[in-house]
Amino acid sequence: MILPLGASFRECREYAEKNYQEIWYVDPGYRLFDEYIIGLPPIALGIEEGKKIIFPFTKPCHGTGLLGIEDTEEVERVRKTARWKK
């Protein structure tokens, strides 16, 4: 967990924008790891070293945090389907 549970969607987006050079934006309902992402748009996904995705994760009754998972195939899918902003 990069940002602990209890962060806001805005805090997650700002952290990703400040700490990762490669940022992709998605809308709520975007599928990541076969799960739908929820949140307030735009949802920022950070890519670290081309192999790790940093994204907001909401655990019911516990809140939202920023999570990072290494998966090069999912990184390539995000690069093809998300909106870019640097």
PDB file of N, CA and C in Angstrom:
ATOM      1  N   MET A   1       0.861  -1.167   0.000  1.00  0.00           N
ATOM      2  CA  MET A   1       0.000   0.000   0.000  1.00  0.00           C
ATOM      3  C   MET A   1       0.903   1.224   0.000  1.00  0.00           C
ATOM      4  N   ILE A   2       0.684   2.110  -0.961  1.00  0.00           N
ATOM      5  CA  ILE A   2       1.516   3.300  -1.088  1.00  0.00           C
ATOM      6  C   ILE A   2       0.958   4.437  -0.239  1.00  0.00           C
ATOM      7  N   LEU A   3      -0.346   4.677  -0.351  1.00  0.00           N
ATOM      8  CA  LEU A   3      -1.044   5.584   0.571  1.00  0.00           C
ATOM      9  C   LEU A   3      -1.968   4.708   1.397  1.00  0.00           C
ATOM     10  N   PRO A   4      -1.955   4.837   2.697  1.00  0.00           N
ATOM     11  CA  PRO A   4      -2.790   3.957   3.527  1.00  0.00           C
ATOM     12  C   PRO A   4      -4.278   4.248   3.348  1.00  0.00           C
ATOM     13  N   LEU A   5      -5.095   3.266   3.709  1.00  0.00           N
ATOM     14  CA  LEU A   5      -6.547   3.431   3.648  1.00  0.00           C
ATOM     15  C   LEU A   5      -6.944   4.649   4.454  1.00  0.00           C
ATOM     16  N   GLY A   6      -7.939   5.364   3.953  1.00  0.00           N
ATOM     17  CA  GLY A   6      -8.397   6.584   4.607  1.00  0.00           C
ATOM     18  C   GLY A   6      -8.091   7.813   3.777  1.00  0.00           C
ATOM     19  N   ALA A   7      -7.393   7.652   2.659  1.00  0.00           N
ATOM     20  CA  ALA A   7      -7.086   8.770   1.768  1.00  0.00           C
ATOM     21  C   ALA A   7      -8.318   9.071   0.919  1.00  0.00           C
ATOM     22  N   SER A   8      -8.409  10.284   0.410  1.00  0.00           N
ATOM     23  CA  SER A   8      -9.501  10.637  -0.498  1.00  0.00           C
ATOM     24  C   SER A   8      -9.074  10.329  -1.934  1.00  0.00           C
ATOM     25  N   PHE A   9     -10.054  10.300  -2.840  1.00  0.00           N
ATOM     26  CA  PHE A   9      -9.719  10.089  -4.255  1.00  0.00           C
ATOM     27  C   PHE A   9      -8.828  11.220  -4.755  1.00  0.00           C
ATOM     28  N   ARG A  10      -9.091  12.423  -4.287  1.00  0.00           N
ATOM     29  CA  ARG A  10      -8.268  13.571  -4.692  1.00  0.00           C
ATOM     30  C   ARG A  10      -6.822  13.411  -4.208  1.00  0.00           C
ATOM     31  N   GLU A  11      -6.647  12.984  -2.965  1.00  0.00           N
ATOM     32  CA  GLU A  11      -5.301  12.771  -2.433  1.00  0.00           C
ATOM     33  C   GLU A  11      -4.565  11.698  -3.236  1.00  0.00           C
ATOM     34  N   CYS A  12      -5.270  10.640  -3.610  1.00  0.00           N
ATOM     35  CA  CYS A  12      -4.652   9.576  -4.422  1.00  0.00           C
ATOM     36  C   CYS A  12      -4.204  10.117  -5.774  1.00  0.00           C
ATOM     37  N   ARG A  13      -5.090  10.904  -6.427  1.00  0.00           N
ATOM     38  CA  ARG A  13      -4.754  11.479  -7.741  1.00  0.00           C
ATOM     39  C   ARG A  13      -3.554  12.427  -7.619  1.00  0.00           C
ATOM     40  N   GLU A  14      -3.569  13.300  -6.631  1.00  0.00           N
ATOM     41  CA  GLU A  14      -2.471  14.254  -6.458  1.00  0.00           C
ATOM     42  C   GLU A  14      -1.148  13.553  -6.157  1.00  0.00           C
ATOM     43  N   TYR A  15      -1.194  12.523  -5.344  1.00  0.00           N
ATOM     44  CA  TYR A  15       0.021  11.777  -5.027  1.00  0.00           C
ATOM     45  C   TYR A  15       0.589  11.140  -6.294  1.00  0.00           C
ATOM     46  N   ALA A  16      -0.266  10.500  -7.073  1.00  0.00           N
ATOM     47  CA  ALA A  16       0.189   9.858  -8.315  1.00  0.00           C
ATOM     48  C   ALA A  16       0.778  10.893  -9.270  1.00  0.00           C
ATOM     49  N   GLU A  17       0.110  12.028  -9.424  1.00  0.00           N
ATOM     50  CA  GLU A  17       0.588  13.068 -10.346  1.00  0.00           C
ATOM     51  C   GLU A  17       1.938  13.629  -9.922  1.00  0.00           C
ATOM     52  N   LYS A  18       2.184  13.726  -8.634  1.00  0.00           N
ATOM     53  CA  LYS A  18       3.437  14.295  -8.136  1.00  0.00           C
ATOM     54  C   LYS A  18       4.584  13.287  -8.109  1.00  0.00           C
ATOM     55  N   ASN A  19       4.271  11.997  -8.006  1.00  0.00           N
ATOM     56  CA  ASN A  19       5.317  11.010  -7.767  1.00  0.00           C
ATOM     57  C   ASN A  19       5.626  10.062  -8.914  1.00  0.00           C
ATOM     58  N   TYR A  20       4.854  10.125  -9.998  1.00  0.00           N
ATOM     59  CA  TYR A  20       5.091   9.222 -11.133  1.00  0.00           C
ATOM     60  C   TYR A  20       5.126  10.024 -12.417  1.00  0.00           C
ATOM     61  N   GLN A  21       6.083   9.721 -13.280  1.00  0.00           N
ATOM     62  CA  GLN A  21       6.221  10.455 -14.538  1.00  0.00           C
ATOM     63  C   GLN A  21       5.189  10.037 -15.570  1.00  0.00           C
ATOM     64  N   GLU A  22       4.793   8.780 -15.558  1.00  0.00           N
ATOM     65  CA  GLU A  22       3.822   8.289 -16.533  1.00  0.00           C
ATOM     66  C   GLU A  22       2.467   8.132 -15.846  1.00  0.00           C
ATOM     67  N   ILE A  23       1.523   8.982 -16.240  1.00  0.00           N
ATOM     68  CA  ILE A  23       0.185   8.997 -15.655  1.00  0.00           C
ATOM     69  C   ILE A  23      -0.834   8.775 -16.760  1.00  0.00           C
ATOM     70  N   TRP A  24      -1.788   7.907 -16.496  1.00  0.00           N
ATOM     71  CA  TRP A  24      -2.907   7.653 -17.403  1.00  0.00           C
ATOM     72  C   TRP A  24      -4.188   7.931 -16.640  1.00  0.00           C
ATOM     73  N   TYR A  25      -5.196   8.470 -17.335  1.00  0.00           N
ATOM     74  CA  TYR A  25      -6.468   8.791 -16.691  1.00  0.00           C
ATOM     75  C   TYR A  25      -7.572   7.898 -17.228  1.00  0.00           C
ATOM     76  N   VAL A  26      -8.433   7.454 -16.324  1.00  0.00           N
ATOM     77  CA  VAL A  26      -9.578   6.621 -16.686  1.00  0.00           C
ATOM     78  C   VAL A  26     -10.813   7.163 -15.982  1.00  0.00           C
ATOM     79  N   ASP A  27     -11.963   6.739 -16.470  1.00  0.00           N
ATOM     80  CA  ASP A  27     -13.240   7.098 -15.850  1.00  0.00           C
ATOM     81  C   ASP A  27     -13.661   6.000 -14.881  1.00  0.00           C
ATOM     82  N   PRO A  28     -14.519   6.322 -13.930  1.00  0.00           N
ATOM     83  CA  PRO A  28     -15.063   5.275 -13.057  1.00  0.00           C
ATOM     84  C   PRO A  28     -15.707   4.175 -13.913  1.00  0.00           C
ATOM     85  N   GLY A  29     -15.544   2.950 -13.488  1.00  0.00           N
ATOM     86  CA  GLY A  29     -16.059   1.819 -14.247  1.00  0.00           C
ATOM     87  C   GLY A  29     -15.020   1.176 -15.143  1.00  0.00           C
ATOM     88  N   TYR A  30     -13.834   1.779 -15.243  1.00  0.00           N
ATOM     89  CA  TYR A  30     -12.743   1.193 -16.028  1.00  0.00           C
ATOM     90  C   TYR A  30     -12.336  -0.128 -15.377  1.00  0.00           C
ATOM     91  N   ARG A  31     -12.101  -1.140 -16.202  1.00  0.00           N
ATOM     92  CA  ARG A  31     -11.698  -2.458 -15.667  1.00  0.00           C
ATOM     93  C   ARG A  31     -10.185  -2.542 -15.544  1.00  0.00           C
ATOM     94  N   LEU A  32      -9.733  -2.874 -14.364  1.00  0.00           N
ATOM     95  CA  LEU A  32      -8.319  -3.059 -14.079  1.00  0.00           C
ATOM     96  C   LEU A  32      -8.197  -4.358 -13.296  1.00  0.00           C
ATOM     97  N   PHE A  33      -7.411  -5.293 -13.793  1.00  0.00           N
ATOM     98  CA  PHE A  33      -7.285  -6.613 -13.169  1.00  0.00           C
ATOM     99  C   PHE A  33      -8.661  -7.291 -13.036  1.00  0.00           C
ATOM    100  N   ASP A  34      -9.480  -7.145 -14.052  1.00  0.00           N
ATOM    101  CA  ASP A  34     -10.828  -7.735 -14.099  1.00  0.00           C
ATOM    102  C   ASP A  34     -11.766  -7.237 -13.001  1.00  0.00           C
ATOM    103  N   GLU A  35     -11.476  -6.080 -12.459  1.00  0.00           N
ATOM    104  CA  GLU A  35     -12.350  -5.445 -11.464  1.00  0.00           C
ATOM    105  C   GLU A  35     -12.643  -4.025 -11.937  1.00  0.00           C
ATOM    106  N   TYR A  36     -13.798  -3.503 -11.570  1.00  0.00           N
ATOM    107  CA  TYR A  36     -14.166  -2.139 -11.943  1.00  0.00           C
ATOM    108  C   TYR A  36     -13.629  -1.155 -10.907  1.00  0.00           C
ATOM    109  N   ILE A  37     -12.997  -0.098 -11.398  1.00  0.00           N
ATOM    110  CA  ILE A  37     -12.482   0.948 -10.512  1.00  0.00           C
ATOM    111  C   ILE A  37     -13.599   1.936 -10.224  1.00  0.00           C
ATOM    112  N   ILE A  38     -13.720   2.331  -8.963  1.00  0.00           N
ATOM    113  CA  ILE A  38     -14.676   3.368  -8.600  1.00  0.00           C
ATOM    114  C   ILE A  38     -13.901   4.596  -8.154  1.00  0.00           C
ATOM    115  N   GLY A  39     -14.575   5.735  -8.157  1.00  0.00           N
ATOM    116  CA  GLY A  39     -13.929   6.954  -7.720  1.00  0.00           C
ATOM    117  C   GLY A  39     -14.491   8.159  -8.428  1.00  0.00           C
ATOM    118  N   LEU A  40     -13.914   9.314  -8.129  1.00  0.00           N
ATOM    119  CA  LEU A  40     -14.305  10.562  -8.756  1.00  0.00           C
ATOM    120  C   LEU A  40     -13.384  10.825  -9.935  1.00  0.00           C
ATOM    121  N   PRO A  41     -13.955  11.110 -11.104  1.00  0.00           N
ATOM    122  CA  PRO A  41     -13.108  11.326 -12.282  1.00  0.00           C
ATOM    123  C   PRO A  41     -12.366  12.656 -12.202  1.00  0.00           C
ATOM    124  N   PRO A  42     -11.225  12.737 -12.844  1.00  0.00           N
ATOM    125  CA  PRO A  42     -10.523  11.652 -13.519  1.00  0.00           C
ATOM    126  C   PRO A  42      -9.741  10.813 -12.506  1.00  0.00           C
ATOM    127  N   ILE A  43      -9.677   9.523 -12.728  1.00  0.00           N
ATOM    128  CA  ILE A  43      -8.925   8.621 -11.864  1.00  0.00           C
ATOM    129  C   ILE A  43      -7.533   8.446 -12.470  1.00  0.00           C
ATOM    130  N   ALA A  44      -6.509   8.796 -11.710  1.00  0.00           N
ATOM    131  CA  ALA A  44      -5.129   8.731 -12.200  1.00  0.00           C
ATOM    132  C   ALA A  44      -4.516   7.366 -11.898  1.00  0.00           C
ATOM    133  N   LEU A  45      -3.923   6.776 -12.915  1.00  0.00           N
ATOM    134  CA  LEU A  45      -3.162   5.536 -12.762  1.00  0.00           C
ATOM    135  C   LEU A  45      -1.706   5.866 -13.052  1.00  0.00           C
ATOM    136  N   GLY A  46      -0.821   5.576 -12.134  1.00  0.00           N
ATOM    137  CA  GLY A  46       0.602   5.795 -12.352  1.00  0.00           C
ATOM    138  C   GLY A  46       1.249   4.511 -12.860  1.00  0.00           C
ATOM    139  N   ILE A  47       2.250   4.674 -13.709  1.00  0.00           N
ATOM    140  CA  ILE A  47       3.038   3.531 -14.180  1.00  0.00           C
ATOM    141  C   ILE A  47       4.460   3.750 -13.673  1.00  0.00           C
ATOM    142  N   GLU A  48       4.980   2.761 -12.975  1.00  0.00           N
ATOM    143  CA  GLU A  48       6.324   2.854 -12.406  1.00  0.00           C
ATOM    144  C   GLU A  48       7.245   1.865 -13.117  1.00  0.00           C
ATOM    145  N   GLU A  49       8.297   2.390 -13.710  1.00  0.00           N
ATOM    146  CA  GLU A  49       9.317   1.587 -14.391  1.00  0.00           C
ATOM    147  C   GLU A  49       8.736   0.665 -15.460  1.00  0.00           C
ATOM    148  N   GLY A  50       7.589   1.021 -16.018  1.00  0.00           N
ATOM    149  CA  GLY A  50       6.998   0.257 -17.104  1.00  0.00           C
ATOM    150  C   GLY A  50       6.436  -1.089 -16.727  1.00  0.00           C
ATOM    151  N   LYS A  51       6.389  -1.396 -15.430  1.00  0.00           N
ATOM    152  CA  LYS A  51       5.920  -2.724 -15.049  1.00  0.00           C
ATOM    153  C   LYS A  51       4.976  -2.745 -13.858  1.00  0.00           C
ATOM    154  N   LYS A  52       4.770  -1.625 -13.209  1.00  0.00           N
ATOM    155  CA  LYS A  52       3.943  -1.584 -12.012  1.00  0.00           C
ATOM    156  C   LYS A  52       2.863  -0.513 -12.170  1.00  0.00           C
ATOM    157  N   ILE A  53       1.614  -0.865 -11.858  1.00  0.00           N
ATOM    158  CA  ILE A  53       0.496   0.072 -11.928  1.00  0.00           C
ATOM    159  C   ILE A  53       0.172   0.540 -10.516  1.00  0.00           C
ATOM    160  N   ILE A  54       0.041   1.848 -10.371  1.00  0.00           N
ATOM    161  CA  ILE A  54      -0.321   2.464  -9.102  1.00  0.00           C
ATOM    162  C   ILE A  54      -1.746   2.987  -9.285  1.00  0.00           C
ATOM    163  N   PHE A  55      -2.660   2.575  -8.428  1.00  0.00           N
ATOM    164  CA  PHE A  55      -4.066   2.939  -8.619  1.00  0.00           C
ATOM    165  C   PHE A  55      -4.789   3.047  -7.284  1.00  0.00           C
ATOM    166  N   PRO A  56      -5.896   3.830  -7.250  1.00  0.00           N
ATOM    167  CA  PRO A  56      -6.684   3.914  -6.023  1.00  0.00           C
ATOM    168  C   PRO A  56      -7.481   2.634  -5.828  1.00  0.00           C
ATOM    169  N   PHE A  57      -7.525   2.171  -4.602  1.00  0.00           N
ATOM    170  CA  PHE A  57      -8.231   0.950  -4.247  1.00  0.00           C
ATOM    171  C   PHE A  57      -9.132   1.263  -3.070  1.00  0.00           C
ATOM    172  N   THR A  58     -10.407   0.921  -3.202  1.00  0.00           N
ATOM    173  CA  THR A  58     -11.359   1.175  -2.120  1.00  0.00           C
ATOM    174  C   THR A  58     -11.773  -0.135  -1.478  1.00  0.00           C
ATOM    175  N   LYS A  59     -11.574  -0.223  -0.187  1.00  0.00           N
ATOM    176  CA  LYS A  59     -11.992  -1.391   0.577  1.00  0.00           C
ATOM    177  C   LYS A  59     -13.228  -0.979   1.375  1.00  0.00           C
ATOM    178  N   PRO A  60     -14.374  -1.614   1.106  1.00  0.00           N
ATOM    179  CA  PRO A  60     -15.600  -1.223   1.806  1.00  0.00           C
ATOM    180  C   PRO A  60     -15.410  -1.174   3.324  1.00  0.00           C
ATOM    181  N   CYS A  61     -15.955  -0.163   3.913  1.00  0.00           N
ATOM    182  CA  CYS A  61     -15.921   0.072   5.371  1.00  0.00           C
ATOM    183  C   CYS A  61     -14.543   0.484   5.890  1.00  0.00           C
ATOM    184  N   HIS A  62     -13.539   0.557   5.016  1.00  0.00           N
ATOM    185  CA  HIS A  62     -12.199   0.939   5.460  1.00  0.00           C
ATOM    186  C   HIS A  62     -11.655   2.159   4.725  1.00  0.00           C
ATOM    187  N   GLY A  63     -12.175   2.451   3.548  1.00  0.00           N
ATOM    188  CA  GLY A  63     -11.757   3.629   2.815  1.00  0.00           C
ATOM    189  C   GLY A  63     -10.893   3.330   1.607  1.00  0.00           C
ATOM    190  N   THR A  64     -10.291   4.384   1.094  1.00  0.00           N
ATOM    191  CA  THR A  64      -9.509   4.328  -0.136  1.00  0.00           C
ATOM    192  C   THR A  64      -8.038   4.533   0.166  1.00  0.00           C
ATOM    193  N   GLY A  65      -7.199   3.824  -0.559  1.00  0.00           N
ATOM    194  CA  GLY A  65      -5.756   3.976  -0.472  1.00  0.00           C
ATOM    195  C   GLY A  65      -5.170   3.841  -1.861  1.00  0.00           C
ATOM    196  N   LEU A  66      -3.893   3.985  -1.978  1.00  0.00           N
ATOM    197  CA  LEU A  66      -3.207   3.858  -3.264  1.00  0.00           C
ATOM    198  C   LEU A  66      -2.387   2.578  -3.220  1.00  0.00           C
ATOM    199  N   LEU A  67      -2.609   1.729  -4.219  1.00  0.00           N
ATOM    200  CA  LEU A  67      -2.020   0.401  -4.245  1.00  0.00           C
ATOM    201  C   LEU A  67      -1.156   0.267  -5.491  1.00  0.00           C
ATOM    202  N   GLY A  68      -0.103  -0.513  -5.426  1.00  0.00           N
ATOM    203  CA  GLY A  68       0.748  -0.779  -6.582  1.00  0.00           C
ATOM    204  C   GLY A  68       0.877  -2.273  -6.818  1.00  0.00           C
ATOM    205  N   ILE A  69       0.662  -2.698  -8.063  1.00  0.00           N
ATOM    206  CA  ILE A  69       0.776  -4.110  -8.413  1.00  0.00           C
ATOM    207  C   ILE A  69       1.622  -4.236  -9.676  1.00  0.00           C
ATOM    208  N   GLU A  70       2.563  -5.156  -9.652  1.00  0.00           N
ATOM    209  CA  GLU A  70       3.432  -5.395 -10.804  1.00  0.00           C
ATOM    210  C   GLU A  70       2.748  -6.358 -11.769  1.00  0.00           C
ATOM    211  N   ASP A  71       2.536  -5.903 -13.004  1.00  0.00           N
ATOM    212  CA  ASP A  71       1.903  -6.733 -14.034  1.00  0.00           C
ATOM    213  C   ASP A  71       2.122  -6.059 -15.382  1.00  0.00           C
ATOM    214  N   THR A  72       3.119  -6.501 -16.129  1.00  0.00           N
ATOM    215  CA  THR A  72       3.464  -5.849 -17.392  1.00  0.00           C
ATOM    216  C   THR A  72       2.362  -5.962 -18.438  1.00  0.00           C
ATOM    217  N   GLU A  73       1.614  -7.057 -18.444  1.00  0.00           N
ATOM    218  CA  GLU A  73       0.515  -7.201 -19.411  1.00  0.00           C
ATOM    219  C   GLU A  73      -0.582  -6.175 -19.144  1.00  0.00           C
ATOM    220  N   GLU A  74      -0.910  -5.958 -17.893  1.00  0.00           N
ATOM    221  CA  GLU A  74      -1.942  -4.978 -17.550  1.00  0.00           C
ATOM    222  C   GLU A  74      -1.447  -3.562 -17.829  1.00  0.00           C
ATOM    223  N   VAL A  75      -0.152  -3.311 -17.636  1.00  0.00           N
ATOM    224  CA  VAL A  75       0.425  -2.005 -17.969  1.00  0.00           C
ATOM    225  C   VAL A  75       0.218  -1.727 -19.460  1.00  0.00           C
ATOM    226  N   GLU A  76       0.496  -2.684 -20.308  1.00  0.00           N
ATOM    227  CA  GLU A  76       0.332  -2.491 -21.761  1.00  0.00           C
ATOM    228  C   GLU A  76      -1.134  -2.278 -22.119  1.00  0.00           C
ATOM    229  N   ARG A  77      -2.048  -2.976 -21.465  1.00  0.00           N
ATOM    230  CA  ARG A  77      -3.471  -2.779 -21.739  1.00  0.00           C
ATOM    231  C   ARG A  77      -3.906  -1.371 -21.339  1.00  0.00           C
ATOM    232  N   VAL A  78      -3.425  -0.876 -20.204  1.00  0.00           N
ATOM    233  CA  VAL A  78      -3.743   0.489 -19.773  1.00  0.00           C
ATOM    234  C   VAL A  78      -3.216   1.487 -20.798  1.00  0.00           C
ATOM    235  N   ARG A  79      -2.006   1.303 -21.254  1.00  0.00           N
ATOM    236  CA  ARG A  79      -1.421   2.222 -22.239  1.00  0.00           C
ATOM    237  C   ARG A  79      -2.234   2.272 -23.531  1.00  0.00           C
ATOM    238  N   LYS A  80      -2.901   1.196 -23.882  1.00  0.00           N
ATOM    239  CA  LYS A  80      -3.696   1.157 -25.111  1.00  0.00           C
ATOM    240  C   LYS A  80      -5.105   1.694 -24.935  1.00  0.00           C
ATOM    241  N   THR A  81      -5.642   1.674 -23.717  1.00  0.00           N
ATOM    242  CA  THR A  81      -7.062   1.983 -23.546  1.00  0.00           C
ATOM    243  C   THR A  81      -7.365   3.209 -22.697  1.00  0.00           C
ATOM    244  N   ALA A  82      -6.401   3.752 -21.983  1.00  0.00           N
ATOM    245  CA  ALA A  82      -6.648   4.901 -21.112  1.00  0.00           C
ATOM    246  C   ALA A  82      -6.278   6.199 -21.817  1.00  0.00           C
ATOM    247  N   ARG A  83      -6.688   7.314 -21.222  1.00  0.00           N
ATOM    248  CA  ARG A  83      -6.334   8.632 -21.756  1.00  0.00           C
ATOM    249  C   ARG A  83      -4.998   9.052 -21.170  1.00  0.00           C
ATOM    250  N   TRP A  84      -4.172   9.687 -21.966  1.00  0.00           N
ATOM    251  CA  TRP A  84      -2.821  10.065 -21.535  1.00  0.00           C
ATOM    252  C   TRP A  84      -2.783  11.502 -21.011  1.00  0.00           C
ATOM    253  N   LYS A  85      -1.985  11.717 -20.036  1.00  0.00           N
ATOM    254  CA  LYS A  85      -1.599  13.055 -19.592  1.00  0.00           C
ATOM    255  C   LYS A  85      -0.277  12.928 -18.877  1.00  0.00           C
ATOM    256  N   LYS A  86       0.612  13.827 -19.142  1.00  0.00           N
ATOM    257  CA  LYS A  86       1.902  13.793 -18.459  1.00  0.00           C
ATOM    258  C   LYS A  86       2.005  14.960 -17.523  1.00  0.00           C
TER     259      LYS A  86
END
